[in-house]
C-alpha atoms as a PDB file:
ATOM      1  CA  MET A   1     105.919  97.337 114.886  1.00  0.00           C
ATOM      2  CA  THR A   2     105.457 100.793 116.167  1.00  0.00           C
ATOM      3  CA  ARG A   3     104.405 103.881 114.274  1.00  0.00           C
ATOM      4  CA  ALA A   4     107.591 105.495 114.076  1.00  0.00           C
ATOM      5  CA  MET A   5     108.935 102.320 112.666  1.00  0.00           C
ATOM      6  CA  ILE A   6     107.196 102.489 110.049  1.00  0.00           C
ATOM      7  CA  GLY A   7     107.340 106.149 110.089  1.00  0.00           C
ATOM      8  CA  THR A   8     110.803 106.478 109.439  1.00  0.00           C
ATOM      9  CA  MET A   9     110.640 103.149 106.787  1.00  0.00           C
ATOM     10  CA  LEU A  10     108.153 105.251 104.605  1.00  0.00           C
ATOM     11  CA  ALA A  11     110.551 107.537 104.747  1.00  0.00           C
ATOM     12  CA  ALA A  12     113.470 105.682 103.475  1.00  0.00           C
ATOM     13  CA  LEU A  13     111.763 104.095 100.916  1.00  0.00           C
ATOM     14  CA  ALA A  14     110.152 106.686  99.433  1.00  0.00           C
ATOM     15  CA  GLY A  15     113.667 108.635  99.678  1.00  0.00           C
ATOM     16  CA  ALA A  16     114.968 106.118  97.378  1.00  0.00           C
ATOM     17  CA  LEU A  17     112.173 106.720  94.704  1.00  0.00           C
ATOM     18  CA  TRP A  18     112.581 110.182  94.781  1.00  0.00           C
ATOM     19  CA  CYS A  19     116.197 109.063  94.012  1.00  0.00           C
ATOM     20  CA  ALA A  20     116.359 107.939  90.579  1.00  0.00           C
ATOM     21  CA  PRO A  21     119.885 107.256  89.318  1.00  0.00           C
ATOM     22  CA  ALA A  22     121.010 109.380  86.845  1.00  0.00           C
ATOM     23  CA  GLY A  23     120.422 109.127  82.679  1.00  0.00           C
ATOM     24  CA  ALA A  24     116.553 108.321  84.088  1.00  0.00           C
ATOM     25  CA  ALA A  25     114.586 111.347  83.164  1.00  0.00           C
ATOM     26  CA  SER A  26     112.820 110.113  80.434  1.00  0.00           C
ATOM     27  CA  THR A  27     113.468 111.866  76.677  1.00  0.00           C
ATOM     28  CA  CYS A  28     110.659 113.923  76.778  1.00  0.00           C
ATOM     29  CA  MET A  29     111.353 115.411  80.265  1.00  0.00           C
ATOM     30  CA  GLN A  30     114.894 115.792  79.178  1.00  0.00           C
ATOM     31  CA  LYS A  31     113.419 117.959  76.095  1.00  0.00           C
ATOM     32  CA  ALA A  32     110.632 120.073  78.177  1.00  0.00           C
ATOM     33  CA  SER A  33     111.307 123.764  79.029  1.00  0.00           C
ATOM     34  CA  THR A  34     108.219 124.327  81.613  1.00  0.00           C
ATOM     35  CA  GLN A  35     106.372 122.959  83.808  1.00  0.00           C
ATOM     36  CA  MET A  36     103.850 122.289  82.319  1.00  0.00           C
ATOM     37  CA  ALA A  37     105.248 120.317  80.022  1.00  0.00           C
ATOM     38  CA  MET A  38     107.511 117.975  82.306  1.00  0.00           C
ATOM     39  CA  ASP A  39     104.002 118.074  83.985  1.00  0.00           C
ATOM     40  CA  ALA A  40     102.939 116.170  80.788  1.00  0.00           C
ATOM     41  CA  CYS A  41     105.897 114.132  80.394  1.00  0.00           C
ATOM     42  CA  ALA A  42     106.173 112.816  84.484  1.00  0.00           C
ATOM     43  CA  GLY A  43     102.442 111.954  83.550  1.00  0.00           C
ATOM     44  CA  ALA A  44     102.883 109.933  80.601  1.00  0.00           C
ATOM     45  CA  ASP A  45     105.420 108.360  82.443  1.00  0.00           C
ATOM     46  CA  ALA A  46     103.234 106.981  84.351  1.00  0.00           C
ATOM     47  CA  ARG A  47     100.307 106.316  82.261  1.00  0.00           C
ATOM     48  CA  SER A  48     103.261 103.582  80.520  1.00  0.00           C
ATOM     49  CA  ALA A  49     104.395 102.576  83.883  1.00  0.00           C
ATOM     50  CA  ASP A  50     100.363 101.569  84.295  1.00  0.00           C
ATOM     51  CA  ALA A  51     100.332  99.796  81.020  1.00  0.00           C
ATOM     52  CA  ARG A  52     103.773  97.607  81.748  1.00  0.00           C
ATOM     53  CA  LEU A  53     101.420  96.746  84.738  1.00  0.00           C
ATOM     54  CA  SER A  54      98.601  95.647  82.794  1.00  0.00           C
ATOM     55  CA  ALA A  55     100.312  94.131  80.313  1.00  0.00           C
ATOM     56  CA  ALA A  56     102.999  92.627  83.360  1.00  0.00           C
ATOM     57  CA  TYR A  57      99.799  91.821  85.099  1.00  0.00           C
ATOM     58  CA  GLY A  58      98.052  89.652  82.200  1.00  0.00           C
ATOM     59  CA  ALA A  59     100.608  87.492  81.367  1.00  0.00           C
ATOM     60  CA  LEU A  60     100.400  86.716  84.968  1.00  0.00           C
ATOM     61  CA  LEU A  61      97.639  85.780  85.040  1.00  0.00           C
ATOM     62  CA  ALA A  62      97.723  84.308  81.559  1.00  0.00           C
ATOM     63  CA  ARG A  63     100.673  81.952  83.249  1.00  0.00           C
ATOM     64  CA  ALA A  64      98.865  80.832  86.222  1.00  0.00           C
ATOM     65  CA  ALA A  65      95.765  79.920  84.334  1.00  0.00           C
ATOM     66  CA  SER A  66      96.804  75.975  84.463  1.00  0.00           C
ATOM     67  CA  GLN A  67      97.244  76.628  88.949  1.00  0.00           C
ATOM     68  CA  PRO A  68      93.490  76.089  90.641  1.00  0.00           C
ATOM     69  CA  GLY A  69      92.802  78.682  92.587  1.00  0.00           C
ATOM     70  CA  ALA A  70      96.330  81.302  91.326  1.00  0.00           C
ATOM     71  CA  ALA A  71      94.165  83.352  89.852  1.00  0.00           C
ATOM     72  CA  ALA A  72      92.005  84.643  92.454  1.00  0.00           C
ATOM     73  CA  LYS A  73      94.771  84.690  94.647  1.00  0.00           C
ATOM     74  CA  ILE A  74      97.315  86.989  92.502  1.00  0.00           C
ATOM     75  CA  ARG A  75      93.384  88.997  91.920  1.00  0.00           C
ATOM     76  CA  ALA A  76      94.175  89.814  95.676  1.00  0.00           C
ATOM     77  CA  ALA A  77      97.454  90.777  95.270  1.00  0.00           C
ATOM     78  CA  GLU A  78      96.609  92.877  93.420  1.00  0.00           C
ATOM     79  CA  ARG A  79      94.089  94.562  94.453  1.00  0.00           C
ATOM     80  CA  ALA A  80      95.967  94.572  98.020  1.00  0.00           C
ATOM     81  CA  TRP A  81      99.061  96.437  95.855  1.00  0.00           C
ATOM     82  CA  THR A  82      96.629  99.139  94.748  1.00  0.00           C
ATOM     83  CA  ALA A  83      95.632 100.000  98.196  1.00  0.00           C
ATOM     84  CA  TYR A  84      98.773 100.187  99.162  1.00  0.00           C
ATOM     85  CA  ARG A  85      99.776 102.127  95.911  1.00  0.00           C
ATOM     86  CA  ASP A  86      97.118 104.638  96.729  1.00  0.00           C
ATOM     87  CA  ALA A  87      97.848 104.960 100.394  1.00  0.00           C
ATOM     88  CA  TYR A  88     101.505 104.962 100.163  1.00  0.00           C
ATOM     89  CA  LEU A  89     100.985 108.250  97.194  1.00  0.00           C
ATOM     90  CA  ALA A  90      99.065 109.438 100.255  1.00  0.00           C
ATOM     91  CA  ALA A  91     100.852 109.044 102.842  1.00  0.00           C
ATOM     92  CA  ALA A  92     103.795 110.968 100.641  1.00  0.00           C
ATOM     93  CA  PHE A  93     102.068 114.102  99.976  1.00  0.00           C
ATOM     94  CA  PRO A  94      99.730 114.110 103.097  1.00  0.00           C
ATOM     95  CA  LEU A  95      98.349 117.677 103.580  1.00  0.00           C
ATOM     96  CA  ALA A  96      95.147 118.540 101.751  1.00  0.00           C
ATOM     97  CA  ASP A  97      96.179 121.494  99.715  1.00  0.00           C
ATOM     98  CA  LYS A  98      97.962 119.648  98.186  1.00  0.00           C
ATOM     99  CA  GLN A  99      98.967 122.917  95.318  1.00  0.00           C
ATOM    100  CA  THR A 100     100.128 125.767  97.763  1.00  0.00           C
ATOM    101  CA  VAL A 101     101.594 122.783 100.085  1.00  0.00           C
ATOM    102  CA  TYR A 102     103.498 121.408  97.416  1.00  0.00           C
ATOM    103  CA  GLY A 103     103.690 123.736  95.017  1.00  0.00           C
ATOM    104  CA  SER A 104     103.836 123.432  90.330  1.00  0.00           C
ATOM    105  CA  ILE A 105     106.286 120.691  91.080  1.00  0.00           C
ATOM    106  CA  TYR A 106     103.461 118.447  92.688  1.00  0.00           C
ATOM    107  CA  PRO A 107     101.498 117.222  89.704  1.00  0.00           C
ATOM    108  CA  MET A 108     105.252 116.191  88.139  1.00  0.00           C
ATOM    109  CA  GLU A 109     106.300 114.556  91.642  1.00  0.00           C
ATOM    110  CA  ALA A 110     103.093 113.011  92.488  1.00  0.00           C
ATOM    111  CA  ALA A 111     103.191 111.626  89.156  1.00  0.00           C
ATOM    112  CA  GLU A 112     107.212 110.825  89.177  1.00  0.00           C
ATOM    113  CA  LEU A 113     106.640 108.788  92.674  1.00  0.00           C
ATOM    114  CA  ARG A 114     103.433 107.069  90.483  1.00  0.00           C
ATOM    115  CA  ALA A 115     105.296 105.695  87.782  1.00  0.00           C
ATOM    116  CA  GLN A 116     108.319 104.587  90.376  1.00  0.00           C
ATOM    117  CA  VAL A 117     106.230 103.046  92.552  1.00  0.00           C
ATOM    118  CA  THR A 118     104.160 100.739  90.064  1.00  0.00           C
ATOM    119  CA  LEU A 119     107.727  99.922  88.204  1.00  0.00           C
ATOM    120  CA  ARG A 120     108.394  97.746  91.366  1.00  0.00           C
ATOM    121  CA  GLN A 121     105.232  96.364  91.141  1.00  0.00           C
ATOM    122  CA  VAL A 122     105.801  95.557  87.372  1.00  0.00           C
ATOM    123  CA  ASP A 123     109.360  93.725  88.844  1.00  0.00           C
ATOM    124  CA  ALA A 124     107.719  92.238  91.464  1.00  0.00           C
ATOM    125  CA  ILE A 125     105.002  90.333  88.864  1.00  0.00           C
ATOM    126  CA  ASP A 126     108.174  89.756  86.454  1.00  0.00           C
ATOM    127  CA  ALA A 127     109.233  87.404  89.233  1.00  0.00           C
ATOM    128  CA  LEU A 128     106.218  85.873  89.923  1.00  0.00           C
ATOM    129  CA  ILE A 129     105.996  85.423  86.393  1.00  0.00           C
ATOM    130  CA  ALA A 130     109.072  83.625  86.623  1.00  0.00           C
ATOM    131  CA  ARG A 131     108.060  81.158  89.962  1.00  0.00           C
ATOM    132  CA  TYR A 132     104.817  79.550  86.947  1.00  0.00           C
ATOM    133  CA  ARG A 133     105.771  77.404  85.189  1.00  0.00           C
ATOM    134  CA  SER A 134     104.987  77.300  80.726  1.00  0.00           C
ATOM    135  CA  PRO A 135     101.897  75.822  80.507  1.00  0.00           C
END
């Protein structure tokens, strides 16, 4: 796969992530009237997504506990996903001087993107949980 192909795929994924469906905005964001308030809402949404990820990850480990070697593989997959998430976010906002280049909206956009990427991982973990039989 060429770098151009990878770049095209990342651009398409970024576009899909940024185009949230209508009505997807949090109640907090709907009430926010300043950039600082919108940043706070987006940060809260990102923390909420992280909490959901943590809960799903814990549920997956509990469900897979009876499978020999499963926990180690799940932990390895989660470490790899965390590295991917961090690299993806860095690719979405690659320039060093983020505040100057991307503007005052950068903290909000970065938090929103982090939340969206994280919620997609929650869905992936939920699907994996379904693959393990109840203990």
